[in-house]
Every structure is written in C-alpha cells, then in structure tokens.
N, C-alpha and C. Protein backbone atom coordinates (compact mmCIF):
# COMPACT_ATOMS: atom_id res chain seq x y z
N MET A 1 0.84 -1.20 0.00
CA MET A 1 0.00 0.00 0.00
C MET A 1 0.88 1.25 0.00
N THR A 2 0.61 2.17 -0.91
CA THR A 2 1.42 3.39 -0.99
C THR A 2 1.05 4.33 0.16
N ALA A 3 1.90 5.32 0.37
CA ALA A 3 1.63 6.30 1.41
C ALA A 3 0.32 7.04 1.15
N GLN A 4 0.07 7.38 -0.12
CA GLN A 4 -1.17 8.08 -0.45
C GLN A 4 -2.40 7.20 -0.16
N GLU A 5 -2.28 5.91 -0.44
CA GLU A 5 -3.38 4.99 -0.15
C GLU A 5 -3.58 4.85 1.35
N ARG A 6 -2.50 4.86 2.10
CA ARG A 6 -2.62 4.79 3.56
C ARG A 6 -3.31 6.03 4.11
N LEU A 7 -2.97 7.19 3.54
CA LEU A 7 -3.66 8.43 3.96
C LEU A 7 -5.14 8.36 3.63
N GLU A 8 -5.47 7.85 2.47
CA GLU A 8 -6.87 7.74 2.08
C GLU A 8 -7.62 6.78 2.99
N LYS A 9 -6.93 5.73 3.44
CA LYS A 9 -7.54 4.78 4.38
C LYS A 9 -7.87 5.47 5.70
N VAL A 10 -6.95 6.32 6.17
CA VAL A 10 -7.22 7.08 7.39
C VAL A 10 -8.43 8.00 7.19
N ALA A 11 -8.48 8.66 6.04
CA ALA A 11 -9.59 9.56 5.75
C ALA A 11 -10.91 8.81 5.72
N GLN A 12 -10.92 7.60 5.18
CA GLN A 12 -12.14 6.79 5.16
C GLN A 12 -12.58 6.42 6.57
N GLU A 13 -11.63 6.09 7.42
CA GLU A 13 -11.96 5.77 8.80
C GLU A 13 -12.54 7.00 9.50
N ILE A 14 -11.96 8.16 9.24
CA ILE A 14 -12.45 9.40 9.85
C ILE A 14 -13.89 9.67 9.41
N SER A 15 -14.19 9.39 8.14
CA SER A 15 -15.53 9.68 7.62
C SER A 15 -16.62 8.87 8.32
N LYS A 16 -16.22 7.74 8.92
CA LYS A 16 -17.19 6.88 9.62
C LYS A 16 -17.09 7.00 11.13
N CYS A 17 -16.21 7.87 11.60
CA CYS A 17 -15.91 7.93 13.03
C CYS A 17 -17.11 8.41 13.85
N GLN A 18 -17.33 7.75 14.97
CA GLN A 18 -18.37 8.15 15.92
C GLN A 18 -17.83 8.08 17.35
N LYS A 19 -16.55 8.43 17.50
CA LYS A 19 -15.90 8.33 18.80
C LYS A 19 -16.33 9.42 19.78
N CYS A 20 -16.89 10.53 19.26
CA CYS A 20 -17.34 11.59 20.15
C CYS A 20 -18.62 12.21 19.58
N ASP A 21 -19.23 13.10 20.34
CA ASP A 21 -20.53 13.66 19.94
C ASP A 21 -20.47 14.56 18.72
N LEU A 22 -19.28 15.00 18.31
CA LEU A 22 -19.19 15.85 17.12
C LEU A 22 -19.68 15.11 15.88
N ALA A 23 -19.68 13.79 15.93
CA ALA A 23 -20.12 13.00 14.78
C ALA A 23 -21.58 13.27 14.44
N TYR A 24 -22.37 13.69 15.43
CA TYR A 24 -23.81 13.81 15.22
C TYR A 24 -24.25 15.20 14.78
N GLY A 25 -23.31 16.13 14.68
CA GLY A 25 -23.68 17.47 14.23
C GLY A 25 -22.95 17.93 12.99
N ARG A 26 -22.09 17.08 12.46
CA ARG A 26 -21.27 17.49 11.32
C ARG A 26 -22.03 17.35 10.01
N THR A 27 -21.60 18.13 9.02
CA THR A 27 -22.04 17.92 7.65
C THR A 27 -21.06 16.98 6.95
N HIS A 28 -19.77 17.30 7.08
CA HIS A 28 -18.71 16.45 6.54
C HIS A 28 -17.58 16.37 7.56
N THR A 29 -16.86 15.27 7.54
CA THR A 29 -15.58 15.23 8.25
C THR A 29 -14.56 15.97 7.41
N VAL A 30 -13.50 16.44 8.10
CA VAL A 30 -12.45 17.19 7.40
C VAL A 30 -11.10 16.55 7.77
N PRO A 31 -10.74 15.48 7.07
CA PRO A 31 -9.52 14.76 7.46
C PRO A 31 -8.23 15.51 7.19
N GLY A 32 -8.26 16.37 6.19
CA GLY A 32 -7.05 17.06 5.76
C GLY A 32 -6.76 16.73 4.31
N GLU A 33 -5.83 17.46 3.70
CA GLU A 33 -5.52 17.21 2.30
C GLU A 33 -4.10 17.65 1.97
N GLY A 34 -3.56 17.00 0.93
CA GLY A 34 -2.23 17.32 0.47
C GLY A 34 -1.49 16.06 0.07
N PRO A 35 -0.31 16.21 -0.50
CA PRO A 35 0.46 15.04 -0.95
C PRO A 35 1.06 14.26 0.21
N ALA A 36 1.14 12.95 0.01
CA ALA A 36 1.68 12.08 1.06
C ALA A 36 3.17 12.29 1.28
N ASP A 37 3.85 12.89 0.31
CA ASP A 37 5.30 13.13 0.45
C ASP A 37 5.60 14.60 0.76
N ALA A 38 4.62 15.32 1.31
CA ALA A 38 4.83 16.73 1.62
C ALA A 38 5.97 16.92 2.61
N ARG A 39 6.87 17.83 2.31
CA ARG A 39 7.96 18.14 3.25
C ARG A 39 7.48 19.07 4.36
N LEU A 40 6.38 19.78 4.08
CA LEU A 40 5.84 20.77 5.02
C LEU A 40 4.40 20.42 5.34
N MET A 41 4.08 20.36 6.63
CA MET A 41 2.73 20.03 7.09
C MET A 41 2.24 21.10 8.05
N PHE A 42 0.99 21.49 7.90
CA PHE A 42 0.36 22.45 8.80
C PHE A 42 -0.73 21.75 9.60
N VAL A 43 -0.79 22.05 10.89
CA VAL A 43 -1.83 21.49 11.74
C VAL A 43 -2.55 22.63 12.45
N GLY A 44 -3.82 22.81 12.10
CA GLY A 44 -4.63 23.84 12.72
C GLY A 44 -5.43 23.29 13.89
N GLU A 45 -6.55 23.94 14.20
CA GLU A 45 -7.32 23.55 15.37
C GLU A 45 -8.52 22.67 15.00
N GLY A 46 -9.49 23.23 14.30
CA GLY A 46 -10.65 22.45 13.91
C GLY A 46 -11.37 23.10 12.75
N PRO A 47 -12.23 22.34 12.07
CA PRO A 47 -12.97 22.90 10.94
C PRO A 47 -13.94 23.98 11.38
N GLY A 48 -14.14 24.97 10.51
CA GLY A 48 -15.15 25.99 10.72
C GLY A 48 -16.36 25.72 9.84
N PHE A 49 -17.20 26.73 9.68
CA PHE A 49 -18.45 26.58 8.93
C PHE A 49 -18.19 26.12 7.50
N HIS A 50 -17.30 26.81 6.79
CA HIS A 50 -17.07 26.50 5.38
C HIS A 50 -16.38 25.14 5.22
N GLU A 51 -15.48 24.83 6.15
CA GLU A 51 -14.78 23.55 6.09
C GLU A 51 -15.76 22.39 6.30
N ASP A 52 -16.69 22.57 7.23
CA ASP A 52 -17.70 21.55 7.49
C ASP A 52 -18.58 21.32 6.27
N ARG A 53 -18.89 22.39 5.55
CA ARG A 53 -19.74 22.27 4.35
C ARG A 53 -19.01 21.60 3.19
N GLN A 54 -17.72 21.88 3.07
CA GLN A 54 -16.97 21.39 1.91
C GLN A 54 -16.14 20.14 2.19
N GLY A 55 -15.89 19.84 3.45
CA GLY A 55 -15.06 18.69 3.78
C GLY A 55 -13.58 18.91 3.53
N ARG A 56 -13.18 20.19 3.43
CA ARG A 56 -11.78 20.54 3.17
C ARG A 56 -11.29 21.51 4.24
N PRO A 57 -10.02 21.44 4.61
CA PRO A 57 -9.49 22.35 5.63
C PRO A 57 -9.14 23.72 5.06
N PHE A 58 -9.31 24.74 5.86
CA PHE A 58 -8.84 26.09 5.53
C PHE A 58 -9.35 26.57 4.16
N VAL A 59 -10.67 26.63 4.02
CA VAL A 59 -11.26 27.13 2.77
C VAL A 59 -11.95 28.48 2.97
N GLY A 60 -11.96 29.00 4.19
CA GLY A 60 -12.55 30.31 4.45
C GLY A 60 -11.50 31.41 4.37
N ALA A 61 -11.77 32.49 5.08
CA ALA A 61 -10.86 33.65 5.05
C ALA A 61 -9.48 33.29 5.57
N ALA A 62 -9.42 32.46 6.62
CA ALA A 62 -8.12 32.06 7.16
C ALA A 62 -7.34 31.25 6.14
N GLY A 63 -8.07 30.46 5.33
CA GLY A 63 -7.41 29.68 4.29
C GLY A 63 -6.82 30.56 3.21
N LYS A 64 -7.53 31.63 2.86
CA LYS A 64 -7.01 32.56 1.85
C LYS A 64 -5.73 33.22 2.34
N LEU A 65 -5.72 33.59 3.63
CA LEU A 65 -4.50 34.19 4.18
C LEU A 65 -3.37 33.18 4.21
N LEU A 66 -3.68 31.94 4.56
CA LEU A 66 -2.66 30.90 4.57
C LEU A 66 -2.05 30.73 3.18
N GLU A 67 -2.88 30.77 2.16
CA GLU A 67 -2.38 30.64 0.79
C GLU A 67 -1.49 31.84 0.41
N GLU A 68 -1.88 33.03 0.88
CA GLU A 68 -1.04 34.21 0.63
C GLU A 68 0.32 34.06 1.30
N LEU A 69 0.32 33.58 2.52
CA LEU A 69 1.56 33.40 3.26
C LEU A 69 2.44 32.35 2.60
N LEU A 70 1.82 31.28 2.12
CA LEU A 70 2.58 30.27 1.39
C LEU A 70 3.20 30.87 0.13
N GLY A 71 2.42 31.67 -0.58
CA GLY A 71 2.93 32.32 -1.78
C GLY A 71 4.12 33.21 -1.50
N SER A 72 4.13 33.81 -0.31
CA SER A 72 5.23 34.72 0.05
C SER A 72 6.55 33.99 0.20
N ILE A 73 6.50 32.67 0.38
CA ILE A 73 7.75 31.89 0.49
C ILE A 73 7.88 30.92 -0.69
N GLY A 74 7.15 31.21 -1.75
CA GLY A 74 7.33 30.46 -2.98
C GLY A 74 6.68 29.09 -3.00
N LEU A 75 5.65 28.88 -2.18
CA LEU A 75 4.98 27.59 -2.14
C LEU A 75 3.50 27.75 -2.48
N SER A 76 2.90 26.66 -2.91
CA SER A 76 1.46 26.65 -3.17
C SER A 76 0.79 25.69 -2.21
N ARG A 77 -0.50 25.84 -2.08
CA ARG A 77 -1.28 24.95 -1.21
C ARG A 77 -1.11 23.49 -1.61
N GLU A 78 -1.00 23.24 -2.90
CA GLU A 78 -0.93 21.87 -3.40
C GLU A 78 0.36 21.15 -3.01
N GLU A 79 1.35 21.89 -2.53
CA GLU A 79 2.64 21.29 -2.17
C GLU A 79 2.73 20.89 -0.71
N VAL A 80 1.77 21.29 0.11
CA VAL A 80 1.84 21.04 1.55
C VAL A 80 0.64 20.21 1.99
N PHE A 81 0.77 19.60 3.15
CA PHE A 81 -0.38 18.88 3.73
C PHE A 81 -0.96 19.74 4.83
N ILE A 82 -2.28 19.88 4.82
CA ILE A 82 -2.98 20.73 5.79
C ILE A 82 -4.00 19.88 6.54
N ALA A 83 -3.94 19.91 7.85
CA ALA A 83 -4.85 19.13 8.68
C ALA A 83 -5.22 19.94 9.92
N ASN A 84 -6.04 19.35 10.77
CA ASN A 84 -6.42 19.95 12.05
C ASN A 84 -6.31 18.90 13.15
N VAL A 85 -6.26 19.37 14.39
CA VAL A 85 -6.19 18.42 15.50
C VAL A 85 -7.51 17.67 15.68
N ILE A 86 -8.63 18.30 15.32
CA ILE A 86 -9.90 17.58 15.31
C ILE A 86 -10.48 17.62 13.91
N LYS A 87 -11.24 16.61 13.58
CA LYS A 87 -11.66 16.39 12.20
C LYS A 87 -13.13 16.75 11.93
N CYS A 88 -13.85 17.19 12.94
CA CYS A 88 -15.24 17.62 12.79
C CYS A 88 -15.42 18.99 13.44
N ARG A 89 -16.35 19.77 12.93
CA ARG A 89 -16.57 21.11 13.44
C ARG A 89 -17.28 21.09 14.79
N PRO A 90 -16.72 21.75 15.80
CA PRO A 90 -17.43 21.91 17.07
C PRO A 90 -18.58 22.91 16.89
N PRO A 91 -19.70 22.72 17.59
CA PRO A 91 -20.83 23.63 17.46
C PRO A 91 -20.42 25.08 17.75
N GLY A 92 -20.83 25.98 16.86
CA GLY A 92 -20.52 27.39 17.06
C GLY A 92 -19.04 27.72 17.01
N ASN A 93 -18.25 26.81 16.46
CA ASN A 93 -16.79 27.00 16.39
C ASN A 93 -16.15 27.14 17.77
N ARG A 94 -16.76 26.53 18.77
CA ARG A 94 -16.16 26.60 20.11
C ARG A 94 -14.85 25.83 20.13
N ASP A 95 -14.09 26.01 21.23
CA ASP A 95 -12.84 25.27 21.40
C ASP A 95 -13.13 23.77 21.52
N PRO A 96 -12.25 22.94 21.00
CA PRO A 96 -12.44 21.49 21.17
C PRO A 96 -12.26 21.08 22.62
N SER A 97 -13.02 20.06 23.02
CA SER A 97 -12.91 19.55 24.38
C SER A 97 -11.78 18.53 24.46
N GLN A 98 -11.39 18.19 25.69
CA GLN A 98 -10.34 17.19 25.87
C GLN A 98 -10.78 15.84 25.31
N GLU A 99 -12.06 15.51 25.47
CA GLU A 99 -12.59 14.26 24.93
C GLU A 99 -12.44 14.22 23.41
N GLU A 100 -12.76 15.34 22.76
CA GLU A 100 -12.68 15.42 21.31
C GLU A 100 -11.24 15.34 20.83
N LEU A 101 -10.35 16.04 21.52
CA LEU A 101 -8.94 16.00 21.16
C LEU A 101 -8.38 14.58 21.29
N LYS A 102 -8.78 13.90 22.36
CA LYS A 102 -8.32 12.53 22.60
C LYS A 102 -8.84 11.59 21.51
N ALA A 103 -10.09 11.78 21.11
CA ALA A 103 -10.69 10.91 20.10
C ALA A 103 -10.00 11.04 18.75
N CYS A 104 -9.59 12.25 18.41
CA CYS A 104 -8.98 12.49 17.11
C CYS A 104 -7.47 12.28 17.08
N LYS A 105 -6.84 12.23 18.23
CA LYS A 105 -5.38 12.16 18.28
C LYS A 105 -4.79 11.01 17.47
N PRO A 106 -5.35 9.80 17.55
CA PRO A 106 -4.74 8.71 16.77
C PRO A 106 -4.76 8.95 15.26
N TYR A 107 -5.79 9.63 14.76
CA TYR A 107 -5.85 9.92 13.33
C TYR A 107 -4.72 10.85 12.91
N LEU A 108 -4.53 11.92 13.68
CA LEU A 108 -3.46 12.86 13.34
C LEU A 108 -2.09 12.22 13.52
N ASP A 109 -1.94 11.42 14.56
CA ASP A 109 -0.67 10.72 14.76
C ASP A 109 -0.33 9.88 13.53
N ARG A 110 -1.30 9.16 13.03
CA ARG A 110 -1.06 8.29 11.86
C ARG A 110 -0.75 9.12 10.62
N GLN A 111 -1.44 10.23 10.44
CA GLN A 111 -1.16 11.08 9.28
C GLN A 111 0.28 11.58 9.31
N ILE A 112 0.72 12.02 10.48
CA ILE A 112 2.09 12.51 10.61
C ILE A 112 3.09 11.39 10.35
N GLU A 113 2.80 10.20 10.86
CA GLU A 113 3.71 9.07 10.67
C GLU A 113 3.80 8.67 9.19
N ILE A 114 2.70 8.77 8.47
CA ILE A 114 2.69 8.42 7.05
C ILE A 114 3.43 9.47 6.22
N ILE A 115 3.14 10.74 6.48
CA ILE A 115 3.71 11.83 5.68
C ILE A 115 5.18 12.05 6.00
N ARG A 116 5.52 11.93 7.27
CA ARG A 116 6.89 12.16 7.74
C ARG A 116 7.42 13.50 7.24
N PRO A 117 6.75 14.59 7.59
CA PRO A 117 7.20 15.90 7.11
C PRO A 117 8.54 16.27 7.71
N ARG A 118 9.31 17.04 6.96
CA ARG A 118 10.55 17.59 7.51
C ARG A 118 10.23 18.67 8.53
N VAL A 119 9.18 19.46 8.22
CA VAL A 119 8.80 20.57 9.08
C VAL A 119 7.29 20.50 9.31
N LEU A 120 6.89 20.58 10.56
CA LEU A 120 5.48 20.65 10.93
C LEU A 120 5.21 21.99 11.59
N VAL A 121 4.23 22.70 11.08
CA VAL A 121 3.88 24.02 11.60
C VAL A 121 2.57 23.92 12.36
N THR A 122 2.57 24.29 13.63
CA THR A 122 1.33 24.31 14.40
C THR A 122 0.70 25.70 14.28
N LEU A 123 -0.58 25.71 13.96
CA LEU A 123 -1.33 26.96 13.79
C LEU A 123 -2.29 27.10 14.96
N GLY A 124 -1.96 27.98 15.90
CA GLY A 124 -2.83 28.17 17.05
C GLY A 124 -2.42 27.33 18.25
N ARG A 125 -3.11 27.55 19.36
CA ARG A 125 -2.66 27.00 20.63
C ARG A 125 -2.97 25.52 20.83
N PHE A 126 -4.04 25.00 20.22
CA PHE A 126 -4.39 23.60 20.46
C PHE A 126 -3.42 22.65 19.76
N SER A 127 -3.02 22.98 18.55
CA SER A 127 -2.01 22.13 17.89
C SER A 127 -0.64 22.35 18.53
N MET A 128 -0.36 23.58 18.96
CA MET A 128 0.90 23.86 19.64
C MET A 128 1.04 23.00 20.90
N ALA A 129 -0.08 22.78 21.61
CA ALA A 129 -0.05 22.07 22.88
C ALA A 129 0.38 20.61 22.73
N ARG A 130 0.30 20.05 21.53
CA ARG A 130 0.79 18.69 21.31
C ARG A 130 2.29 18.59 21.57
N TYR A 131 3.00 19.68 21.37
CA TYR A 131 4.47 19.65 21.43
C TYR A 131 5.06 20.60 22.47
N PHE A 132 4.36 21.66 22.79
CA PHE A 132 4.89 22.67 23.70
C PHE A 132 3.87 22.92 24.80
N SER A 133 4.13 22.45 25.99
CA SER A 133 3.20 22.64 27.10
C SER A 133 3.75 23.68 28.07
N GLY A 134 2.87 24.26 28.85
CA GLY A 134 3.27 25.19 29.88
C GLY A 134 3.78 26.52 29.38
N THR A 135 3.38 26.91 28.18
CA THR A 135 3.80 28.20 27.65
C THR A 135 2.68 28.78 26.81
N THR A 136 2.92 29.94 26.21
CA THR A 136 1.92 30.58 25.37
C THR A 136 2.49 30.79 23.98
N ILE A 137 1.61 30.87 23.00
CA ILE A 137 2.06 31.06 21.63
C ILE A 137 2.70 32.43 21.44
N SER A 138 2.25 33.41 22.20
CA SER A 138 2.86 34.74 22.11
C SER A 138 4.33 34.71 22.51
N ARG A 139 4.66 33.80 23.41
CA ARG A 139 6.02 33.71 23.92
C ARG A 139 6.96 32.93 23.01
N ILE A 140 6.43 31.90 22.33
CA ILE A 140 7.35 30.99 21.61
C ILE A 140 7.12 30.92 20.11
N HIS A 141 6.20 31.73 19.57
CA HIS A 141 5.95 31.63 18.13
C HIS A 141 7.25 31.86 17.36
N GLY A 142 7.40 31.09 16.29
CA GLY A 142 8.58 31.24 15.44
C GLY A 142 9.83 30.54 15.95
N GLN A 143 9.74 29.84 17.09
CA GLN A 143 10.90 29.15 17.66
C GLN A 143 10.75 27.65 17.41
N ALA A 144 11.61 27.11 16.58
CA ALA A 144 11.50 25.71 16.17
C ALA A 144 12.26 24.79 17.12
N LYS A 145 11.70 23.60 17.34
CA LYS A 145 12.37 22.56 18.10
C LYS A 145 12.27 21.26 17.31
N ARG A 146 13.27 20.42 17.54
CA ARG A 146 13.34 19.15 16.81
C ARG A 146 12.74 18.02 17.63
N PHE A 147 11.87 17.25 16.99
CA PHE A 147 11.27 16.06 17.58
C PHE A 147 11.68 14.89 16.67
N GLY A 148 12.65 14.10 17.10
CA GLY A 148 13.15 13.06 16.22
C GLY A 148 13.77 13.70 14.99
N GLY A 149 13.30 13.31 13.81
CA GLY A 149 13.80 13.88 12.57
C GLY A 149 12.89 14.95 12.00
N MET A 150 12.03 15.51 12.82
CA MET A 150 11.07 16.50 12.36
C MET A 150 11.21 17.78 13.19
N TRP A 151 11.21 18.92 12.50
CA TRP A 151 11.19 20.20 13.19
C TRP A 151 9.74 20.66 13.35
N VAL A 152 9.42 21.15 14.53
CA VAL A 152 8.08 21.69 14.80
C VAL A 152 8.24 23.17 15.13
N ILE A 153 7.46 24.00 14.44
CA ILE A 153 7.54 25.44 14.66
C ILE A 153 6.13 25.99 14.89
N PRO A 154 5.87 26.61 16.04
CA PRO A 154 4.54 27.16 16.32
C PRO A 154 4.40 28.58 15.79
N VAL A 155 3.25 28.86 15.19
CA VAL A 155 2.96 30.21 14.72
C VAL A 155 1.52 30.56 15.08
N PHE A 156 1.19 31.84 15.00
CA PHE A 156 -0.19 32.25 15.24
C PHE A 156 -1.11 31.65 14.18
N HIS A 157 -2.33 31.37 14.57
CA HIS A 157 -3.33 30.91 13.61
C HIS A 157 -3.68 32.07 12.68
N PRO A 158 -3.81 31.83 11.37
CA PRO A 158 -4.18 32.92 10.46
C PRO A 158 -5.45 33.66 10.88
N ALA A 159 -6.40 32.95 11.50
CA ALA A 159 -7.62 33.61 11.95
C ALA A 159 -7.32 34.68 13.00
N ALA A 160 -6.29 34.43 13.83
CA ALA A 160 -5.92 35.41 14.85
C ALA A 160 -5.43 36.70 14.19
N ALA A 161 -4.69 36.56 13.10
CA ALA A 161 -4.18 37.73 12.39
C ALA A 161 -5.30 38.49 11.69
N LEU A 162 -6.36 37.78 11.30
CA LEU A 162 -7.51 38.44 10.68
C LEU A 162 -8.32 39.21 11.72
N HIS A 163 -8.48 38.61 12.90
CA HIS A 163 -9.27 39.26 13.95
C HIS A 163 -8.49 40.34 14.68
N GLN A 164 -7.17 40.15 14.78
CA GLN A 164 -6.31 41.12 15.47
C GLN A 164 -5.09 41.40 14.59
N PRO A 165 -5.20 42.40 13.74
CA PRO A 165 -4.15 42.68 12.74
C PRO A 165 -2.75 42.86 13.30
N ARG A 166 -2.63 43.14 14.59
CA ARG A 166 -1.29 43.32 15.15
C ARG A 166 -0.46 42.04 15.08
N TYR A 167 -1.12 40.87 14.90
CA TYR A 167 -0.39 39.61 14.79
C TYR A 167 0.13 39.36 13.38
N ARG A 168 -0.35 40.10 12.41
CA ARG A 168 0.00 39.83 11.01
C ARG A 168 1.52 39.95 10.76
N PRO A 169 2.20 41.00 11.22
CA PRO A 169 3.65 41.08 10.97
C PRO A 169 4.43 39.90 11.54
N ALA A 170 4.05 39.45 12.74
CA ALA A 170 4.74 38.31 13.35
C ALA A 170 4.51 37.05 12.53
N LEU A 171 3.28 36.89 12.02
CA LEU A 171 2.98 35.72 11.21
C LEU A 171 3.77 35.72 9.91
N GLU A 172 3.86 36.88 9.28
CA GLU A 172 4.63 36.99 8.04
C GLU A 172 6.11 36.71 8.30
N GLU A 173 6.63 37.23 9.40
CA GLU A 173 8.03 37.00 9.74
C GLU A 173 8.29 35.52 10.03
N ASP A 174 7.34 34.87 10.72
CA ASP A 174 7.52 33.45 11.04
C ASP A 174 7.49 32.59 9.79
N PHE A 175 6.74 33.00 8.78
CA PHE A 175 6.74 32.22 7.54
C PHE A 175 8.09 32.30 6.84
N GLN A 176 8.79 33.40 6.98
CA GLN A 176 10.14 33.47 6.43
C GLN A 176 11.06 32.50 7.17
N LYS A 177 10.83 32.33 8.45
CA LYS A 177 11.61 31.36 9.23
C LYS A 177 11.29 29.93 8.78
N ILE A 178 10.02 29.70 8.45
CA ILE A 178 9.63 28.38 7.93
C ILE A 178 10.40 28.07 6.66
N ALA A 179 10.50 29.06 5.77
CA ALA A 179 11.23 28.88 4.51
C ALA A 179 12.69 28.54 4.79
N GLU A 180 13.30 29.25 5.73
CA GLU A 180 14.70 28.99 6.07
C GLU A 180 14.86 27.60 6.67
N LEU A 181 13.90 27.23 7.50
CA LEU A 181 13.94 25.92 8.14
C LEU A 181 13.84 24.80 7.10
N LEU A 182 12.99 24.97 6.10
CA LEU A 182 12.87 23.97 5.04
C LEU A 182 14.18 23.81 4.28
N GLU A 183 14.88 24.91 4.06
CA GLU A 183 16.16 24.84 3.35
C GLU A 183 17.19 24.05 4.15
N ARG A 184 17.10 24.14 5.46
CA ARG A 184 18.08 23.46 6.32
C ARG A 184 17.65 22.06 6.70
N ALA A 185 16.42 21.66 6.33
CA ALA A 185 15.87 20.39 6.80
C ALA A 185 16.63 19.19 6.26
N GLY A 186 17.38 19.37 5.16
CA GLY A 186 18.15 18.26 4.61
C GLY A 186 19.23 17.76 5.55
N GLU A 187 19.54 18.54 6.58
CA GLU A 187 20.55 18.13 7.54
C GLU A 187 20.03 17.07 8.50
N LEU A 188 18.70 16.84 8.49
CA LEU A 188 18.09 15.97 9.49
C LEU A 188 18.18 14.50 9.11
N VAL A 189 18.06 13.66 10.11
CA VAL A 189 17.95 12.23 9.86
C VAL A 189 16.54 11.94 9.36
N ASP A 190 16.33 10.72 8.85
CA ASP A 190 15.07 10.39 8.18
C ASP A 190 14.07 9.66 9.05
N GLU A 191 14.16 9.78 10.35
CA GLU A 191 13.23 9.03 11.19
C GLU A 191 12.47 9.95 12.15
N PRO A 192 11.43 10.66 11.65
CA PRO A 192 10.63 11.49 12.55
C PRO A 192 9.93 10.63 13.59
N SER A 193 9.75 11.20 14.77
CA SER A 193 9.02 10.52 15.83
C SER A 193 8.03 11.49 16.45
N VAL A 194 6.75 11.13 16.41
CA VAL A 194 5.72 12.04 16.91
C VAL A 194 5.84 12.24 18.42
N GLU A 195 6.16 11.16 19.13
CA GLU A 195 6.10 11.22 20.59
C GLU A 195 7.45 11.47 21.26
N GLU A 196 8.51 11.53 20.51
CA GLU A 196 9.83 11.65 21.10
C GLU A 196 10.00 12.97 21.85
N THR A 197 10.72 12.93 22.96
CA THR A 197 11.00 14.14 23.70
C THR A 197 11.83 15.09 22.83
N PRO A 198 11.44 16.36 22.77
CA PRO A 198 12.14 17.27 21.86
C PRO A 198 13.54 17.60 22.34
N GLN A 199 14.42 17.81 21.40
CA GLN A 199 15.71 18.40 21.74
C GLN A 199 15.48 19.86 22.07
N GLN A 200 16.10 20.33 23.11
CA GLN A 200 15.90 21.71 23.53
C GLN A 200 16.83 22.62 22.72
N LEU A 201 16.50 22.76 21.46
CA LEU A 201 17.31 23.55 20.55
C LEU A 201 16.42 24.53 19.79
N THR A 202 16.71 25.79 19.92
CA THR A 202 15.95 26.81 19.22
C THR A 202 16.77 27.36 18.07
N LEU A 203 16.21 27.33 16.88
CA LEU A 203 16.94 27.77 15.70
C LEU A 203 17.02 29.29 15.60
N PHE A 204 15.97 29.98 16.02
CA PHE A 204 15.90 31.41 15.75
C PHE A 204 15.79 32.20 17.04
C-alpha cells in the first residue's frame, strides 16, 4: 500500500468515526488534504463553517490568508499537507474539548507518521499544545524545536491575524523562518518521531 493509499484509508476511517458527539452534528468530516510526500505540514485547530460544508481544511478567510503566506515563500497549497487536530466542526466553532482531542489524536498521529514531514507548523494553541506545554504562543511563536527527525515550529493561527491585525507582521516573519527551516531540513535524519522528547534547541 502506498503512502497516499494509507492516507486515504485514514480519511475513510475518519468519515465513519463516531468516537465523540461531534459526529452527530457534522455535515462532513475534514480529514485534511495534500500530498503524502509533503515536506511541510500544517496542523490547525478544527474545521469551521465552510470547512464543514466542503469537507476541506482552511477554505474560508483564514485559508485565503494561509495561501497568501505560502505564496510569500514560494509555495502553493498543493505542495503542503494541511490538517487539524480535530476532524469535525465543534458547534458554534467553540474550542475542542479534551474528549474530542483525545478521540482524534490517533488519526493525526497516523497522518504525521505516514507523511513524515521535515517541518510541521502548528497553527494556534491547540495544535501547539501537542508539542509545547506550559507556555503561550505569544512567547514561543517562530521558535523551532526538533522532535526526532522533524522540526516543529509554532505560529499564530491565520484567523488570529484576521481578527487582530497586530499579529500579522509576526505571522509573516515566522513564515520566512519556515522557509529557512525547510532549506536546512536536509541536515536531518530520516526518522521522525511524533512522541519523542524534543531536543531543547531553538533555531531562531
């Protein structure tokens, strides 16, 4: 089975998932999309209204900004994998619960293991919390740490920059750091580990 077929298998399982109550209010599941060999992966928080209707991640205003930011570093949406920590829209776009995060965690873990990105970018605090606990995104955004053979770099969620424009310059600056990190990613070994304790090394 190819990596792309394995990703599709995960997406099929997500489409039938009933592990939490979000299954009963969704229009579509939103497993994520992108190539199985993507060197760069983005992990957001959860689907919104438009994502729930279309079954695709980041298709609203935040998605348009994400595409602009990708363009600023010479990349297109089609070259990266985009996912969320939860795969169904919470009612009213509320924060995901611990139960919901726990239910979806194995799906995201498997996606990361299949894709094996060189660089994983967390968008917002819920995806950041998978790797960086006991801190705030305002304090550590743009600071990359290595987990196995994968670099993880937290940045503000594009929606935050839309709602509070003061975050936009920091987000644009952090995307330049992502580009630099991708250029240096060839120095890494080829065995990413989702759960490995991070090396306490900050690139920037």
